[in-house]
Amino acid sequence: MPTMPAITHVAVTVNDLAVSVPWYTRLFGAEPVLDENTGPFHHTVYLLGNTLFGVHGFPELQSSEPFEEHRPGLDHVAFGCGNRAELEEWEQHLDSLGIKHGGIVDAHYGSGLSFRDPDNIALELFCPPS
């Protein structure tokens, strides 16, 4: 059996690119590397380390209901931090942006900082235990 390769990209569908693209640009502190209308959808893509993170907008959404992780599909997207100090820096950054979060939660398997995007998509910053 071949070894499963690393994840190269993740894309989330949003209700309004005009709201989400500036929000993610502020969060990441980086400009998109791609912003393209393909016809069937418009995608704006950020390069985060070796991973691409895409924000997709569709002209005809099937639903405009907010994200809900209790439905089948995505639960959340987690971004890796090297240590708890980096996680604390992110907590301060989220505070400076006015992004509500649940504070840093420590567990035996690591520490996480959870928050949501404008469409209620669950996002997390996570670091392994020290």
C-alpha atoms as a PDB file:
ATOM      1  CA  MET A   1       0.000   0.000   0.000  1.00  0.00           C
ATOM      2  CA  PRO A   2       1.354   3.469  -0.838  1.00  0.00           C
ATOM      3  CA  THR A   3       1.947   5.962   1.956  1.00  0.00           C
ATOM      4  CA  MET A   4      -0.814   8.545   2.256  1.00  0.00           C
ATOM      5  CA  PRO A   5       0.630  11.915   1.177  1.00  0.00           C
ATOM      6  CA  ALA A   6       0.270  15.111   3.199  1.00  0.00           C
ATOM      7  CA  ILE A   7      -2.714  17.405   2.706  1.00  0.00           C
ATOM      8  CA  THR A   8      -1.894  19.973   0.017  1.00  0.00           C
ATOM      9  CA  HIS A   9      -4.974  22.132   0.252  1.00  0.00           C
ATOM     10  CA  VAL A  10      -8.250  22.715   2.038  1.00  0.00           C
ATOM     11  CA  ALA A  11     -11.127  24.774   0.679  1.00  0.00           C
ATOM     12  CA  VAL A  12     -14.201  26.065   2.479  1.00  0.00           C
ATOM     13  CA  THR A  13     -17.373  27.380   0.870  1.00  0.00           C
ATOM     14  CA  VAL A  14     -18.608  30.733   2.138  1.00  0.00           C
ATOM     15  CA  ASN A  15     -21.781  32.774   1.670  1.00  0.00           C
ATOM     16  CA  ASP A  16     -20.154  36.055   0.670  1.00  0.00           C
ATOM     17  CA  LEU A  17     -16.601  36.418  -0.639  1.00  0.00           C
ATOM     18  CA  ALA A  18     -16.793  40.185  -0.084  1.00  0.00           C
ATOM     19  CA  VAL A  19     -17.046  39.469   3.658  1.00  0.00           C
ATOM     20  CA  SER A  20     -14.869  36.365   3.976  1.00  0.00           C
ATOM     21  CA  VAL A  21     -11.855  37.329   1.848  1.00  0.00           C
ATOM     22  CA  PRO A  22     -11.027  40.471   3.882  1.00  0.00           C
ATOM     23  CA  TRP A  23     -11.653  38.514   7.111  1.00  0.00           C
ATOM     24  CA  TYR A  24      -9.234  35.714   6.154  1.00  0.00           C
ATOM     25  CA  THR A  25      -6.688  38.215   4.785  1.00  0.00           C
ATOM     26  CA  ARG A  26      -6.647  39.991   8.158  1.00  0.00           C
ATOM     27  CA  LEU A  27      -6.518  36.689  10.057  1.00  0.00           C
ATOM     28  CA  PHE A  28      -3.625  35.275   8.015  1.00  0.00           C
ATOM     29  CA  GLY A  29      -1.817  38.582   7.629  1.00  0.00           C
ATOM     30  CA  ALA A  30      -1.173  37.631   4.009  1.00  0.00           C
ATOM     31  CA  GLU A  31      -2.597  38.432   0.614  1.00  0.00           C
ATOM     32  CA  PRO A  32      -4.085  35.658  -1.516  1.00  0.00           C
ATOM     33  CA  VAL A  33      -1.789  33.955  -4.024  1.00  0.00           C
ATOM     34  CA  LEU A  34      -4.725  33.268  -6.350  1.00  0.00           C
ATOM     35  CA  ASP A  35      -8.054  35.023  -6.873  1.00  0.00           C
ATOM     36  CA  GLU A  36      -9.909  33.578  -9.819  1.00  0.00           C
ATOM     37  CA  ASN A  37     -13.437  33.226 -11.110  1.00  0.00           C
ATOM     38  CA  THR A  38     -13.546  29.856 -12.867  1.00  0.00           C
ATOM     39  CA  GLY A  39     -17.161  30.223 -13.979  1.00  0.00           C
ATOM     40  CA  PRO A  40     -18.719  27.505 -11.816  1.00  0.00           C
ATOM     41  CA  PHE A  41     -17.137  29.074  -8.704  1.00  0.00           C
ATOM     42  CA  HIS A  42     -14.803  31.829  -7.560  1.00  0.00           C
ATOM     43  CA  HIS A  43     -11.857  30.877  -5.417  1.00  0.00           C
ATOM     44  CA  THR A  44      -9.453  32.931  -3.386  1.00  0.00           C
ATOM     45  CA  VAL A  45      -6.426  30.983  -2.172  1.00  0.00           C
ATOM     46  CA  TYR A  46      -3.800  31.637   0.503  1.00  0.00           C
ATOM     47  CA  LEU A  47      -0.430  29.922   0.879  1.00  0.00           C
ATOM     48  CA  LEU A  48       0.141  28.923   4.518  1.00  0.00           C
ATOM     49  CA  GLY A  49       3.499  27.183   4.815  1.00  0.00           C
ATOM     50  CA  ASN A  50       3.249  24.296   2.350  1.00  0.00           C
ATOM     51  CA  THR A  51      -0.549  24.175   2.381  1.00  0.00           C
ATOM     52  CA  LEU A  52      -3.042  26.100   0.290  1.00  0.00           C
ATOM     53  CA  PHE A  53      -6.208  27.332   2.003  1.00  0.00           C
ATOM     54  CA  GLY A  54      -9.032  28.226  -0.350  1.00  0.00           C
ATOM     55  CA  VAL A  55     -12.189  30.243   0.163  1.00  0.00           C
ATOM     56  CA  HIS A  56     -14.837  29.330  -2.421  1.00  0.00           C
ATOM     57  CA  GLY A  57     -17.888  31.250  -3.503  1.00  0.00           C
ATOM     58  CA  PHE A  58     -20.572  29.726  -5.707  1.00  0.00           C
ATOM     59  CA  PRO A  59     -23.047  31.866  -7.697  1.00  0.00           C
ATOM     60  CA  GLU A  60     -25.828  29.434  -6.770  1.00  0.00           C
ATOM     61  CA  LEU A  61     -25.371  28.104  -3.244  1.00  0.00           C
ATOM     62  CA  GLN A  62     -27.486  25.089  -2.305  1.00  0.00           C
ATOM     63  CA  SER A  63     -27.947  26.578   1.175  1.00  0.00           C
ATOM     64  CA  SER A  64     -27.025  29.790   2.934  1.00  0.00           C
ATOM     65  CA  GLU A  65     -27.420  28.276   6.404  1.00  0.00           C
ATOM     66  CA  PRO A  66     -24.483  28.855   8.734  1.00  0.00           C
ATOM     67  CA  PHE A  67     -21.923  26.078   9.065  1.00  0.00           C
ATOM     68  CA  GLU A  68     -22.844  23.381  11.566  1.00  0.00           C
ATOM     69  CA  GLU A  69     -20.282  20.745  12.517  1.00  0.00           C
ATOM     70  CA  HIS A  70     -23.013  18.413  13.797  1.00  0.00           C
ATOM     71  CA  ARG A  71     -24.052  17.662  10.204  1.00  0.00           C
ATOM     72  CA  PRO A  72     -22.066  15.155   8.141  1.00  0.00           C
ATOM     73  CA  GLY A  73     -19.046  16.733   6.491  1.00  0.00           C
ATOM     74  CA  LEU A  74     -16.365  18.966   7.899  1.00  0.00           C
ATOM     75  CA  ASP A  75     -15.963  19.288  11.677  1.00  0.00           C
ATOM     76  CA  HIS A  76     -13.248  21.958  11.803  1.00  0.00           C
ATOM     77  CA  VAL A  77      -9.961  23.065  10.265  1.00  0.00           C
ATOM     78  CA  ALA A  78      -6.941  23.191  12.594  1.00  0.00           C
ATOM     79  CA  PHE A  79      -3.739  25.165  12.042  1.00  0.00           C
ATOM     80  CA  GLY A  80      -0.566  23.964  13.773  1.00  0.00           C
ATOM     81  CA  CYS A  81       1.463  26.032  16.205  1.00  0.00           C
ATOM     82  CA  GLY A  82       4.903  24.964  17.389  1.00  0.00           C
ATOM     83  CA  ASN A  83       4.289  25.514  21.087  1.00  0.00           C
ATOM     84  CA  ARG A  84       1.977  27.086  23.648  1.00  0.00           C
ATOM     85  CA  ALA A  85       3.794  30.446  23.508  1.00  0.00           C
ATOM     86  CA  GLU A  86       2.926  30.693  19.797  1.00  0.00           C
ATOM     87  CA  LEU A  87      -0.659  29.784  20.637  1.00  0.00           C
ATOM     88  CA  GLU A  88      -0.705  32.646  23.176  1.00  0.00           C
ATOM     89  CA  GLU A  89       0.521  35.031  20.460  1.00  0.00           C
ATOM     90  CA  TRP A  90      -2.384  33.919  18.281  1.00  0.00           C
ATOM     91  CA  GLU A  91      -4.804  34.485  21.142  1.00  0.00           C
ATOM     92  CA  GLN A  92      -3.546  38.087  21.359  1.00  0.00           C
ATOM     93  CA  HIS A  93      -3.783  38.448  17.561  1.00  0.00           C
ATOM     94  CA  LEU A  94      -7.404  37.236  17.546  1.00  0.00           C
ATOM     95  CA  ASP A  95      -8.163  39.689  20.360  1.00  0.00           C
ATOM     96  CA  SER A  96      -6.563  42.539  18.378  1.00  0.00           C
ATOM     97  CA  LEU A  97      -8.763  41.662  15.387  1.00  0.00           C
ATOM     98  CA  GLY A  98     -11.892  41.477  17.538  1.00  0.00           C
ATOM     99  CA  ILE A  99     -12.390  37.793  16.722  1.00  0.00           C
ATOM    100  CA  LYS A 100     -14.260  35.958  19.479  1.00  0.00           C
ATOM    101  CA  HIS A 101     -12.648  32.728  20.657  1.00  0.00           C
ATOM    102  CA  GLY A 102     -12.960  30.188  23.437  1.00  0.00           C
ATOM    103  CA  GLY A 103      -9.586  30.847  25.030  1.00  0.00           C
ATOM    104  CA  ILE A 104      -6.763  28.343  25.132  1.00  0.00           C
ATOM    105  CA  VAL A 105      -7.902  24.930  26.299  1.00  0.00           C
ATOM    106  CA  ASP A 106      -5.221  22.522  27.535  1.00  0.00           C
ATOM    107  CA  ALA A 107      -5.589  18.752  27.298  1.00  0.00           C
ATOM    108  CA  HIS A 108      -3.188  15.847  27.669  1.00  0.00           C
ATOM    109  CA  TYR A 109      -2.871  15.603  23.854  1.00  0.00           C
ATOM    110  CA  GLY A 110      -2.169  19.328  23.306  1.00  0.00           C
ATOM    111  CA  SER A 111      -3.633  22.816  23.547  1.00  0.00           C
ATOM    112  CA  GLY A 112      -6.191  24.415  21.280  1.00  0.00           C
ATOM    113  CA  LEU A 113      -7.685  27.825  20.615  1.00  0.00           C
ATOM    114  CA  SER A 114     -11.062  27.646  18.840  1.00  0.00           C
ATOM    115  CA  PHE A 115     -12.856  30.388  16.915  1.00  0.00           C
ATOM    116  CA  ARG A 116     -15.225  30.786  13.963  1.00  0.00           C
ATOM    117  CA  ASP A 117     -15.201  32.593  10.632  1.00  0.00           C
ATOM    118  CA  PRO A 118     -18.071  34.836   9.409  1.00  0.00           C
ATOM    119  CA  ASP A 119     -19.988  31.745   8.186  1.00  0.00           C
ATOM    120  CA  ASN A 120     -19.574  30.007  11.553  1.00  0.00           C
ATOM    121  CA  ILE A 121     -16.967  27.587  10.147  1.00  0.00           C
ATOM    122  CA  ALA A 122     -15.081  26.137  13.099  1.00  0.00           C
ATOM    123  CA  LEU A 123     -11.361  26.945  13.058  1.00  0.00           C
ATOM    124  CA  GLU A 124      -8.679  26.044  15.584  1.00  0.00           C
ATOM    125  CA  LEU A 125      -5.072  26.813  16.350  1.00  0.00           C
ATOM    126  CA  PHE A 126      -3.418  23.789  17.966  1.00  0.00           C
ATOM    127  CA  CYS A 127      -0.068  22.855  19.463  1.00  0.00           C
ATOM    128  CA  PRO A 128       1.234  19.539  20.803  1.00  0.00           C
ATOM    129  CA  PRO A 129       1.814  19.126  24.550  1.00  0.00           C
ATOM    130  CA  SER A 130       5.005  20.641  25.938  1.00  0.00           C
END
